[in-house]
Amino acid sequence: MSEDGYRPPDLALVGAQHVARYRETDGAVGYEWNGVPTLLLTTTGRRSGQPRTSALIFGRDGADYLVVASKGGSPTAPAWSLNLAAYPNAEIQVRALHLPVVARVASDEEKPRLWKIMTGVWPNYDAYQARTERPIPVVVLSPA
């Protein structure tokens, strides 16, 4: 671990391979990634109209699921968050559970509390925020 608290993740299972293994096994492979829970988020492509699925680290706030649109601290937002901005209705898979959700970005008032939940799950989010001037949003996925 470096002095800024960043811990490089094990990237053995990422991207399309992570999504495929998660789906094939109902999360038996892929639910836990680098010691943290992940879900599959399926959005509607804002340009294509086609389903797009991403494996994402998540946290919980009551009935809501929380994800962070960090893209590792990139100056640009991840495609899935842009898709949700255009089409907030989506679906998540948590292990074998498939759930329709409606997405929204956490308000400025609630973000500090939700950010703390998410950095409790994945401390690297603080390092990602330090890498970019873009405010990294917490996205709230509420069961529909």
N, C-alpha and C. Protein backbone atom coordinates (compact mmCIF):
# COMPACT_ATOMS: atom_id res chain seq x y z
N MET A 1 0.85 -1.17 0.00
CA MET A 1 0.00 0.00 0.00
C MET A 1 0.90 1.23 0.00
N SER A 2 0.56 2.21 -0.82
CA SER A 2 1.36 3.42 -0.89
C SER A 2 0.95 4.38 0.22
N GLU A 3 1.71 5.47 0.35
CA GLU A 3 1.45 6.39 1.45
C GLU A 3 0.11 7.11 1.32
N ASP A 4 -0.46 7.21 0.11
CA ASP A 4 -1.77 7.86 -0.02
C ASP A 4 -2.93 6.90 0.24
N GLY A 5 -2.62 5.66 0.63
CA GLY A 5 -3.66 4.69 0.97
C GLY A 5 -4.15 3.87 -0.21
N TYR A 6 -3.63 4.13 -1.39
CA TYR A 6 -4.07 3.39 -2.57
C TYR A 6 -3.53 1.97 -2.55
N ARG A 7 -4.41 1.00 -2.79
CA ARG A 7 -4.03 -0.40 -2.86
C ARG A 7 -4.33 -0.90 -4.27
N PRO A 8 -3.32 -1.25 -5.08
CA PRO A 8 -3.60 -1.71 -6.44
C PRO A 8 -4.44 -2.99 -6.41
N PRO A 9 -5.53 -3.02 -7.19
CA PRO A 9 -6.37 -4.22 -7.20
C PRO A 9 -5.76 -5.32 -8.05
N ASP A 10 -6.17 -6.55 -7.75
CA ASP A 10 -5.83 -7.70 -8.58
C ASP A 10 -6.78 -7.66 -9.77
N LEU A 11 -6.23 -7.54 -10.96
CA LEU A 11 -7.05 -7.40 -12.16
C LEU A 11 -7.22 -8.71 -12.93
N ALA A 12 -7.16 -9.84 -12.22
CA ALA A 12 -7.28 -11.13 -12.88
C ALA A 12 -8.67 -11.36 -13.47
N LEU A 13 -9.70 -10.75 -12.90
CA LEU A 13 -11.07 -10.92 -13.39
C LEU A 13 -11.67 -9.54 -13.58
N VAL A 14 -11.71 -9.08 -14.84
CA VAL A 14 -12.21 -7.73 -15.12
C VAL A 14 -13.04 -7.73 -16.41
N GLY A 15 -13.78 -6.66 -16.58
CA GLY A 15 -14.50 -6.41 -17.82
C GLY A 15 -15.48 -7.51 -18.21
N ALA A 16 -15.48 -7.82 -19.50
CA ALA A 16 -16.43 -8.80 -20.05
C ALA A 16 -16.26 -10.17 -19.41
N GLN A 17 -15.03 -10.55 -19.07
CA GLN A 17 -14.80 -11.84 -18.42
C GLN A 17 -15.45 -11.88 -17.04
N HIS A 18 -15.34 -10.79 -16.29
CA HIS A 18 -15.97 -10.72 -14.97
C HIS A 18 -17.49 -10.87 -15.12
N VAL A 19 -18.08 -10.13 -16.04
CA VAL A 19 -19.53 -10.19 -16.27
C VAL A 19 -19.94 -11.60 -16.66
N ALA A 20 -19.22 -12.23 -17.59
CA ALA A 20 -19.57 -13.57 -18.06
C ALA A 20 -19.50 -14.60 -16.94
N ARG A 21 -18.43 -14.60 -16.18
CA ARG A 21 -18.30 -15.58 -15.08
C ARG A 21 -19.35 -15.36 -14.00
N TYR A 22 -19.64 -14.11 -13.69
CA TYR A 22 -20.66 -13.77 -12.70
C TYR A 22 -22.01 -14.34 -13.16
N ARG A 23 -22.37 -14.06 -14.42
CA ARG A 23 -23.66 -14.54 -14.96
C ARG A 23 -23.73 -16.07 -14.98
N GLU A 24 -22.67 -16.70 -15.45
CA GLU A 24 -22.64 -18.16 -15.58
C GLU A 24 -22.82 -18.86 -14.24
N THR A 25 -22.34 -18.23 -13.17
CA THR A 25 -22.31 -18.89 -11.85
C THR A 25 -23.24 -18.24 -10.83
N ASP A 26 -24.10 -17.31 -11.29
CA ASP A 26 -24.95 -16.55 -10.37
C ASP A 26 -24.11 -15.93 -9.25
N GLY A 27 -22.93 -15.44 -9.62
CA GLY A 27 -22.09 -14.74 -8.68
C GLY A 27 -21.19 -15.60 -7.82
N ALA A 28 -21.28 -16.95 -7.95
CA ALA A 28 -20.35 -17.80 -7.18
C ALA A 28 -18.91 -17.43 -7.54
N VAL A 29 -18.70 -17.08 -8.81
CA VAL A 29 -17.42 -16.53 -9.25
C VAL A 29 -17.70 -15.09 -9.64
N GLY A 30 -17.03 -14.16 -9.01
CA GLY A 30 -17.15 -12.76 -9.38
C GLY A 30 -17.91 -11.88 -8.41
N TYR A 31 -18.75 -12.46 -7.53
CA TYR A 31 -19.44 -11.62 -6.55
C TYR A 31 -18.41 -10.94 -5.64
N GLU A 32 -17.47 -11.74 -5.15
CA GLU A 32 -16.39 -11.15 -4.36
C GLU A 32 -15.21 -10.90 -5.28
N TRP A 33 -14.76 -9.65 -5.32
CA TRP A 33 -13.64 -9.24 -6.16
C TRP A 33 -12.70 -8.42 -5.30
N ASN A 34 -11.47 -8.87 -5.16
CA ASN A 34 -10.49 -8.18 -4.33
C ASN A 34 -11.02 -7.95 -2.91
N GLY A 35 -11.79 -8.93 -2.43
CA GLY A 35 -12.28 -8.87 -1.06
C GLY A 35 -13.51 -8.01 -0.85
N VAL A 36 -14.11 -7.50 -1.92
CA VAL A 36 -15.30 -6.65 -1.80
C VAL A 36 -16.43 -7.19 -2.66
N PRO A 37 -17.68 -6.86 -2.32
CA PRO A 37 -18.81 -7.36 -3.10
C PRO A 37 -19.00 -6.57 -4.40
N THR A 38 -19.42 -7.28 -5.42
CA THR A 38 -19.74 -6.63 -6.69
C THR A 38 -21.13 -7.06 -7.14
N LEU A 39 -21.71 -6.21 -7.96
CA LEU A 39 -22.98 -6.52 -8.61
C LEU A 39 -22.79 -6.30 -10.10
N LEU A 40 -23.74 -6.79 -10.87
CA LEU A 40 -23.78 -6.48 -12.30
C LEU A 40 -24.85 -5.43 -12.51
N LEU A 41 -24.50 -4.37 -13.19
CA LEU A 41 -25.42 -3.30 -13.53
C LEU A 41 -25.64 -3.32 -15.03
N THR A 42 -26.90 -3.47 -15.44
CA THR A 42 -27.23 -3.44 -16.86
C THR A 42 -28.01 -2.16 -17.14
N THR A 43 -27.41 -1.34 -17.99
CA THR A 43 -27.99 -0.06 -18.39
C THR A 43 -28.42 -0.15 -19.85
N THR A 44 -29.12 0.87 -20.30
CA THR A 44 -29.46 1.01 -21.71
C THR A 44 -28.49 2.00 -22.32
N GLY A 45 -27.81 1.58 -23.38
CA GLY A 45 -26.84 2.46 -24.03
C GLY A 45 -27.51 3.74 -24.51
N ARG A 46 -26.92 4.87 -24.16
CA ARG A 46 -27.54 6.16 -24.49
C ARG A 46 -27.54 6.43 -25.98
N ARG A 47 -26.62 5.86 -26.73
CA ARG A 47 -26.58 6.04 -28.18
C ARG A 47 -27.15 4.84 -28.91
N SER A 48 -26.78 3.65 -28.45
CA SER A 48 -27.17 2.42 -29.17
C SER A 48 -28.55 1.92 -28.79
N GLY A 49 -29.00 2.23 -27.58
CA GLY A 49 -30.25 1.66 -27.09
C GLY A 49 -30.12 0.20 -26.69
N GLN A 50 -28.90 -0.33 -26.74
CA GLN A 50 -28.65 -1.73 -26.42
C GLN A 50 -28.26 -1.90 -24.96
N PRO A 51 -28.54 -3.08 -24.38
CA PRO A 51 -28.14 -3.31 -22.99
C PRO A 51 -26.62 -3.36 -22.86
N ARG A 52 -26.12 -2.76 -21.79
CA ARG A 52 -24.68 -2.73 -21.49
C ARG A 52 -24.52 -3.13 -20.02
N THR A 53 -23.65 -4.10 -19.76
CA THR A 53 -23.50 -4.60 -18.40
C THR A 53 -22.08 -4.37 -17.89
N SER A 54 -22.00 -3.90 -16.66
CA SER A 54 -20.73 -3.65 -15.98
C SER A 54 -20.74 -4.31 -14.62
N ALA A 55 -19.60 -4.83 -14.21
CA ALA A 55 -19.42 -5.34 -12.85
C ALA A 55 -18.89 -4.19 -12.01
N LEU A 56 -19.56 -3.91 -10.89
CA LEU A 56 -19.21 -2.76 -10.07
C LEU A 56 -19.19 -3.12 -8.59
N ILE A 57 -18.27 -2.53 -7.87
CA ILE A 57 -18.25 -2.62 -6.41
C ILE A 57 -19.50 -1.91 -5.90
N PHE A 58 -20.12 -2.46 -4.86
CA PHE A 58 -21.30 -1.79 -4.32
C PHE A 58 -21.32 -1.79 -2.81
N GLY A 59 -22.13 -0.89 -2.30
CA GLY A 59 -22.44 -0.82 -0.88
C GLY A 59 -23.94 -0.74 -0.73
N ARG A 60 -24.39 -0.71 0.51
CA ARG A 60 -25.83 -0.65 0.77
C ARG A 60 -26.14 0.52 1.69
N ASP A 61 -27.31 1.10 1.46
CA ASP A 61 -27.88 2.11 2.35
C ASP A 61 -29.35 1.78 2.46
N GLY A 62 -29.70 1.00 3.46
CA GLY A 62 -31.06 0.50 3.58
C GLY A 62 -31.38 -0.41 2.41
N ALA A 63 -32.48 -0.15 1.73
CA ALA A 63 -32.88 -0.96 0.57
C ALA A 63 -32.11 -0.57 -0.69
N ASP A 64 -31.42 0.56 -0.66
CA ASP A 64 -30.71 1.05 -1.85
C ASP A 64 -29.34 0.42 -2.00
N TYR A 65 -28.92 0.31 -3.24
CA TYR A 65 -27.58 -0.14 -3.60
C TYR A 65 -26.80 1.10 -4.04
N LEU A 66 -25.54 1.17 -3.66
CA LEU A 66 -24.70 2.33 -3.97
C LEU A 66 -23.54 1.90 -4.85
N VAL A 67 -23.26 2.68 -5.87
CA VAL A 67 -22.09 2.47 -6.72
C VAL A 67 -21.43 3.83 -6.93
N VAL A 68 -20.16 3.80 -7.28
CA VAL A 68 -19.38 5.04 -7.42
C VAL A 68 -18.90 5.15 -8.86
N ALA A 69 -19.17 6.28 -9.49
CA ALA A 69 -18.80 6.51 -10.89
C ALA A 69 -17.39 7.07 -10.98
N SER A 70 -16.41 6.26 -10.55
CA SER A 70 -15.03 6.75 -10.41
C SER A 70 -14.18 6.58 -11.67
N LYS A 71 -14.33 5.48 -12.35
CA LYS A 71 -13.46 5.15 -13.49
C LYS A 71 -12.00 5.30 -13.10
N GLY A 72 -11.70 4.88 -11.86
CA GLY A 72 -10.32 4.90 -11.36
C GLY A 72 -9.72 6.28 -11.21
N GLY A 73 -10.56 7.31 -11.17
CA GLY A 73 -10.04 8.67 -11.05
C GLY A 73 -9.82 9.35 -12.39
N SER A 74 -10.38 8.78 -13.44
CA SER A 74 -10.27 9.37 -14.77
C SER A 74 -10.97 10.72 -14.81
N PRO A 75 -10.51 11.64 -15.68
CA PRO A 75 -11.20 12.92 -15.81
C PRO A 75 -12.57 12.80 -16.48
N THR A 76 -12.86 11.65 -17.08
CA THR A 76 -14.16 11.44 -17.72
C THR A 76 -14.97 10.41 -16.94
N ALA A 77 -16.27 10.56 -16.99
CA ALA A 77 -17.17 9.66 -16.28
C ALA A 77 -17.26 8.31 -17.01
N PRO A 78 -17.53 7.24 -16.27
CA PRO A 78 -17.70 5.94 -16.93
C PRO A 78 -18.96 5.92 -17.80
N ALA A 79 -18.91 5.15 -18.87
CA ALA A 79 -20.05 5.07 -19.81
C ALA A 79 -21.33 4.67 -19.10
N TRP A 80 -21.24 3.75 -18.14
CA TRP A 80 -22.46 3.29 -17.48
C TRP A 80 -23.17 4.44 -16.77
N SER A 81 -22.42 5.39 -16.22
CA SER A 81 -23.07 6.51 -15.52
C SER A 81 -23.71 7.47 -16.51
N LEU A 82 -23.10 7.64 -17.67
CA LEU A 82 -23.71 8.46 -18.72
C LEU A 82 -24.98 7.80 -19.24
N ASN A 83 -24.96 6.49 -19.34
CA ASN A 83 -26.15 5.75 -19.76
C ASN A 83 -27.28 5.95 -18.75
N LEU A 84 -26.94 5.88 -17.46
CA LEU A 84 -27.97 6.07 -16.43
C LEU A 84 -28.53 7.49 -16.44
N ALA A 85 -27.69 8.46 -16.77
CA ALA A 85 -28.19 9.84 -16.85
C ALA A 85 -29.24 9.96 -17.95
N ALA A 86 -29.05 9.22 -19.03
CA ALA A 86 -30.02 9.26 -20.14
C ALA A 86 -31.22 8.36 -19.88
N TYR A 87 -30.97 7.20 -19.28
CA TYR A 87 -32.02 6.21 -19.01
C TYR A 87 -31.83 5.68 -17.59
N PRO A 88 -32.48 6.28 -16.60
CA PRO A 88 -32.24 5.88 -15.21
C PRO A 88 -32.81 4.52 -14.81
N ASN A 89 -33.68 3.95 -15.61
CA ASN A 89 -34.19 2.61 -15.29
C ASN A 89 -33.16 1.59 -15.75
N ALA A 90 -32.82 0.69 -14.84
CA ALA A 90 -31.77 -0.29 -15.11
C ALA A 90 -32.11 -1.58 -14.37
N GLU A 91 -31.17 -2.54 -14.44
CA GLU A 91 -31.32 -3.78 -13.69
C GLU A 91 -29.99 -4.11 -13.04
N ILE A 92 -30.07 -4.65 -11.83
CA ILE A 92 -28.87 -5.15 -11.19
C ILE A 92 -29.03 -6.65 -10.94
N GLN A 93 -27.90 -7.32 -10.87
CA GLN A 93 -27.84 -8.71 -10.44
C GLN A 93 -26.88 -8.75 -9.26
N VAL A 94 -27.38 -9.25 -8.14
CA VAL A 94 -26.58 -9.45 -6.94
C VAL A 94 -26.66 -10.93 -6.64
N ARG A 95 -25.56 -11.63 -6.92
CA ARG A 95 -25.56 -13.09 -6.91
C ARG A 95 -26.66 -13.55 -7.85
N ALA A 96 -27.64 -14.33 -7.38
CA ALA A 96 -28.69 -14.83 -8.27
C ALA A 96 -29.89 -13.89 -8.35
N LEU A 97 -29.92 -12.85 -7.52
CA LEU A 97 -31.05 -11.92 -7.49
C LEU A 97 -30.96 -10.92 -8.63
N HIS A 98 -32.01 -10.85 -9.42
CA HIS A 98 -32.14 -9.84 -10.48
C HIS A 98 -33.19 -8.84 -10.03
N LEU A 99 -32.86 -7.55 -10.10
CA LEU A 99 -33.73 -6.54 -9.52
C LEU A 99 -33.78 -5.30 -10.41
N PRO A 100 -34.99 -4.87 -10.81
CA PRO A 100 -35.08 -3.58 -11.53
C PRO A 100 -34.82 -2.45 -10.55
N VAL A 101 -34.10 -1.44 -11.01
CA VAL A 101 -33.75 -0.30 -10.17
C VAL A 101 -33.94 1.00 -10.95
N VAL A 102 -34.03 2.09 -10.19
CA VAL A 102 -34.03 3.43 -10.76
C VAL A 102 -32.83 4.15 -10.16
N ALA A 103 -32.03 4.76 -11.02
CA ALA A 103 -30.79 5.40 -10.59
C ALA A 103 -30.95 6.90 -10.42
N ARG A 104 -30.20 7.43 -9.47
CA ARG A 104 -30.08 8.87 -9.29
C ARG A 104 -28.72 9.15 -8.67
N VAL A 105 -28.20 10.33 -8.93
CA VAL A 105 -26.95 10.76 -8.31
C VAL A 105 -27.27 11.29 -6.92
N ALA A 106 -26.47 10.91 -5.96
CA ALA A 106 -26.66 11.39 -4.59
C ALA A 106 -26.57 12.92 -4.57
N SER A 107 -27.44 13.52 -3.77
CA SER A 107 -27.43 14.98 -3.63
C SER A 107 -26.16 15.42 -2.89
N ASP A 108 -25.85 16.71 -2.99
CA ASP A 108 -24.70 17.26 -2.29
C ASP A 108 -24.83 17.06 -0.78
N GLU A 109 -26.06 17.11 -0.27
CA GLU A 109 -26.28 16.95 1.16
C GLU A 109 -26.03 15.51 1.62
N GLU A 110 -26.43 14.53 0.83
CA GLU A 110 -26.30 13.14 1.26
C GLU A 110 -24.98 12.49 0.84
N LYS A 111 -24.28 13.10 -0.11
CA LYS A 111 -23.06 12.47 -0.63
C LYS A 111 -22.01 12.19 0.43
N PRO A 112 -21.69 13.10 1.37
CA PRO A 112 -20.64 12.78 2.35
C PRO A 112 -20.94 11.51 3.14
N ARG A 113 -22.18 11.31 3.54
CA ARG A 113 -22.54 10.11 4.30
C ARG A 113 -22.42 8.86 3.42
N LEU A 114 -22.88 8.96 2.18
CA LEU A 114 -22.82 7.80 1.27
C LEU A 114 -21.38 7.52 0.82
N TRP A 115 -20.59 8.58 0.64
CA TRP A 115 -19.17 8.42 0.28
C TRP A 115 -18.45 7.64 1.38
N LYS A 116 -18.78 7.96 2.62
CA LYS A 116 -18.15 7.26 3.75
C LYS A 116 -18.51 5.77 3.73
N ILE A 117 -19.75 5.46 3.38
CA ILE A 117 -20.14 4.05 3.25
C ILE A 117 -19.27 3.38 2.18
N MET A 118 -19.14 4.05 1.05
CA MET A 118 -18.42 3.44 -0.07
C MET A 118 -16.90 3.36 0.15
N THR A 119 -16.31 4.35 0.82
CA THR A 119 -14.87 4.23 1.11
C THR A 119 -14.64 3.19 2.21
N GLY A 120 -15.66 2.90 3.00
CA GLY A 120 -15.57 1.80 3.95
C GLY A 120 -15.50 0.46 3.24
N VAL A 121 -16.13 0.38 2.07
CA VAL A 121 -16.08 -0.84 1.26
C VAL A 121 -14.79 -0.87 0.44
N TRP A 122 -14.45 0.23 -0.20
CA TRP A 122 -13.28 0.31 -1.11
C TRP A 122 -12.55 1.62 -0.85
N PRO A 123 -11.56 1.62 0.04
CA PRO A 123 -10.84 2.85 0.39
C PRO A 123 -10.17 3.55 -0.78
N ASN A 124 -9.90 2.85 -1.86
CA ASN A 124 -9.25 3.46 -3.02
C ASN A 124 -10.06 4.60 -3.62
N TYR A 125 -11.36 4.69 -3.33
CA TYR A 125 -12.15 5.79 -3.89
C TYR A 125 -11.57 7.15 -3.50
N ASP A 126 -11.02 7.26 -2.30
CA ASP A 126 -10.40 8.53 -1.91
C ASP A 126 -9.20 8.85 -2.80
N ALA A 127 -8.40 7.84 -3.11
CA ALA A 127 -7.25 8.05 -4.01
C ALA A 127 -7.73 8.40 -5.42
N TYR A 128 -8.82 7.76 -5.88
CA TYR A 128 -9.36 8.07 -7.20
C TYR A 128 -9.81 9.53 -7.25
N GLN A 129 -10.48 9.99 -6.19
CA GLN A 129 -10.94 11.39 -6.17
C GLN A 129 -9.75 12.34 -6.19
N ALA A 130 -8.67 11.98 -5.53
CA ALA A 130 -7.48 12.84 -5.52
C ALA A 130 -6.83 12.95 -6.90
N ARG A 131 -7.08 11.99 -7.78
CA ARG A 131 -6.47 11.98 -9.11
C ARG A 131 -7.17 12.90 -10.10
N THR A 132 -8.38 13.34 -9.79
CA THR A 132 -9.15 14.09 -10.78
C THR A 132 -9.79 15.32 -10.16
N GLU A 133 -10.04 16.31 -10.99
CA GLU A 133 -10.77 17.48 -10.53
C GLU A 133 -12.27 17.26 -10.64
N ARG A 134 -12.67 16.23 -11.37
CA ARG A 134 -14.09 15.92 -11.55
C ARG A 134 -14.65 15.39 -10.23
N PRO A 135 -15.74 15.98 -9.73
CA PRO A 135 -16.36 15.39 -8.54
C PRO A 135 -16.90 14.00 -8.89
N ILE A 136 -16.43 13.00 -8.18
CA ILE A 136 -16.87 11.64 -8.46
C ILE A 136 -18.20 11.40 -7.74
N PRO A 137 -19.24 11.08 -8.50
CA PRO A 137 -20.55 10.90 -7.87
C PRO A 137 -20.77 9.52 -7.27
N VAL A 138 -21.60 9.51 -6.23
CA VAL A 138 -22.15 8.27 -5.72
C VAL A 138 -23.52 8.13 -6.39
N VAL A 139 -23.77 6.98 -6.97
CA VAL A 139 -25.04 6.73 -7.65
C VAL A 139 -25.87 5.80 -6.77
N VAL A 140 -27.09 6.21 -6.53
CA VAL A 140 -28.03 5.46 -5.71
C VAL A 140 -28.95 4.68 -6.65
N LEU A 141 -29.00 3.36 -6.43
CA LEU A 141 -29.85 2.47 -7.23
C LEU A 141 -30.97 1.99 -6.31
N SER A 142 -32.16 2.52 -6.52
CA SER A 142 -33.31 2.17 -5.67
C SER A 142 -34.17 1.12 -6.36
N PRO A 143 -34.54 0.06 -5.63
CA PRO A 143 -35.43 -0.93 -6.24
C PRO A 143 -36.68 -0.27 -6.80
N ALA A 144 -37.03 -0.67 -8.01
CA ALA A 144 -38.20 -0.06 -8.70
C ALA A 144 -39.48 -0.69 -8.20
